[in-house]
Amino acid sequence: MAPAAPSAATVMIKFTATTPGHQRKLLGIGLSHENLARLKDGKPIKFKGEPLGIPGHDFLIFSGETEESMAKELDPAITAQTIIKDTS
């Protein structure tokens, strides 16, 4: 049986590029309003890095009302090997 075609909610623009002068690599992700509604409904978006040339990485996009509420939601998945970087 062939896999089901992705719904509009799971389709998004994803790309990698190099900045002018090759100083930095760029990962771009474009979310439609439907993607944003899905995130607001508590449905995270996950995708693999291999198609973007980033092997060995899975990406997870999620949202929450506050940073604190998102941290509480992630708490069960956090282990001693988890590295959390505060980018504020």
Protein backbone atom coordinates (compact mmCIF):
# COMPACT_ATOMS: atom_id res chain seq x y z
CA MET A 1 0.00 0.00 0.00
CA ALA A 2 1.39 3.43 -0.94
CA PRO A 3 1.75 5.99 1.86
CA ALA A 4 -0.91 8.66 2.03
CA ALA A 5 -0.06 11.98 0.45
CA PRO A 6 0.86 14.59 3.05
CA SER A 7 -1.96 16.92 4.02
CA ALA A 8 -1.66 20.64 3.46
CA ALA A 9 -1.00 20.99 7.19
CA THR A 10 2.21 18.96 6.98
CA VAL A 11 3.56 20.46 3.76
CA MET A 12 5.90 23.41 4.23
CA ILE A 13 8.74 25.15 2.50
CA LYS A 14 12.11 23.90 3.77
CA PHE A 15 15.46 24.90 2.30
CA THR A 16 19.15 25.27 2.97
CA ALA A 17 21.36 27.93 1.46
CA THR A 18 24.67 29.66 1.94
CA THR A 19 24.76 33.38 2.62
CA PRO A 20 26.52 35.72 0.21
CA GLY A 21 30.26 35.43 0.70
CA HIS A 22 29.73 31.89 2.03
CA GLN A 23 30.05 33.15 5.61
CA ARG A 24 27.09 31.26 7.05
CA LYS A 25 24.77 28.36 6.27
CA LEU A 26 21.05 29.07 6.39
CA LEU A 27 18.12 26.75 7.14
CA GLY A 28 14.77 28.22 6.11
CA ILE A 29 11.33 26.96 7.11
CA GLY A 30 8.13 28.52 5.78
CA LEU A 31 4.91 27.84 7.67
CA SER A 32 1.49 28.36 6.13
CA HIS A 33 -1.41 29.67 8.18
CA GLU A 34 -2.69 26.09 8.25
CA ASN A 35 0.66 24.95 9.72
CA LEU A 36 0.36 27.68 12.35
CA ALA A 37 -3.20 26.59 13.20
CA ARG A 38 -1.96 23.00 13.54
CA LEU A 39 0.76 24.15 15.95
CA LYS A 40 -1.79 26.17 17.94
CA ASP A 41 -3.89 23.01 18.21
CA GLY A 42 -0.96 21.27 19.91
CA LYS A 43 0.11 19.24 16.87
CA PRO A 44 3.89 19.52 16.46
CA ILE A 45 5.57 19.24 13.07
CA LYS A 46 8.54 16.87 12.75
CA PHE A 47 10.77 16.26 9.74
CA LYS A 48 14.08 14.61 8.95
CA GLY A 49 17.20 16.56 8.03
CA GLU A 50 18.48 14.14 5.37
CA PRO A 51 16.53 15.72 2.47
CA LEU A 52 18.08 19.06 3.44
CA GLY A 53 21.63 17.69 3.60
CA ILE A 54 21.62 17.58 7.41
CA PRO A 55 21.96 13.85 8.14
CA GLY A 56 21.38 12.45 11.59
CA HIS A 57 19.05 15.26 12.69
CA ASP A 58 15.31 15.31 13.15
CA PHE A 59 13.62 18.68 13.51
CA LEU A 60 10.65 19.36 15.77
CA ILE A 61 8.60 22.53 15.50
CA PHE A 62 6.14 23.08 18.33
CA SER A 63 4.46 25.95 20.08
CA GLY A 64 2.89 26.80 23.40
CA GLU A 65 1.30 29.64 25.27
CA THR A 66 4.53 30.47 27.12
CA GLU A 67 8.10 29.23 27.26
CA GLU A 68 7.31 27.79 30.70
CA SER A 69 4.33 25.79 29.41
CA MET A 70 6.45 24.42 26.55
CA ALA A 71 9.23 23.42 28.98
CA LYS A 72 6.70 21.55 31.15
CA GLU A 73 5.40 19.73 28.07
CA LEU A 74 8.93 18.68 27.09
CA ASP A 75 9.92 17.69 30.63
CA PRO A 76 9.20 13.94 30.22
CA ALA A 77 11.52 13.78 27.20
CA ILE A 78 14.44 15.56 28.88
CA THR A 79 17.27 13.28 29.97
CA ALA A 80 20.81 13.75 31.24
CA GLN A 81 21.95 13.75 27.59
CA THR A 82 19.63 16.64 26.66
CA ILE A 83 21.37 19.91 25.91
CA ILE A 84 19.17 22.97 26.38
CA LYS A 85 20.40 26.32 25.14
CA ASP A 86 18.57 29.44 26.20
CA THR A 87 18.62 31.82 23.26
CA SER A 88 16.99 34.76 25.01
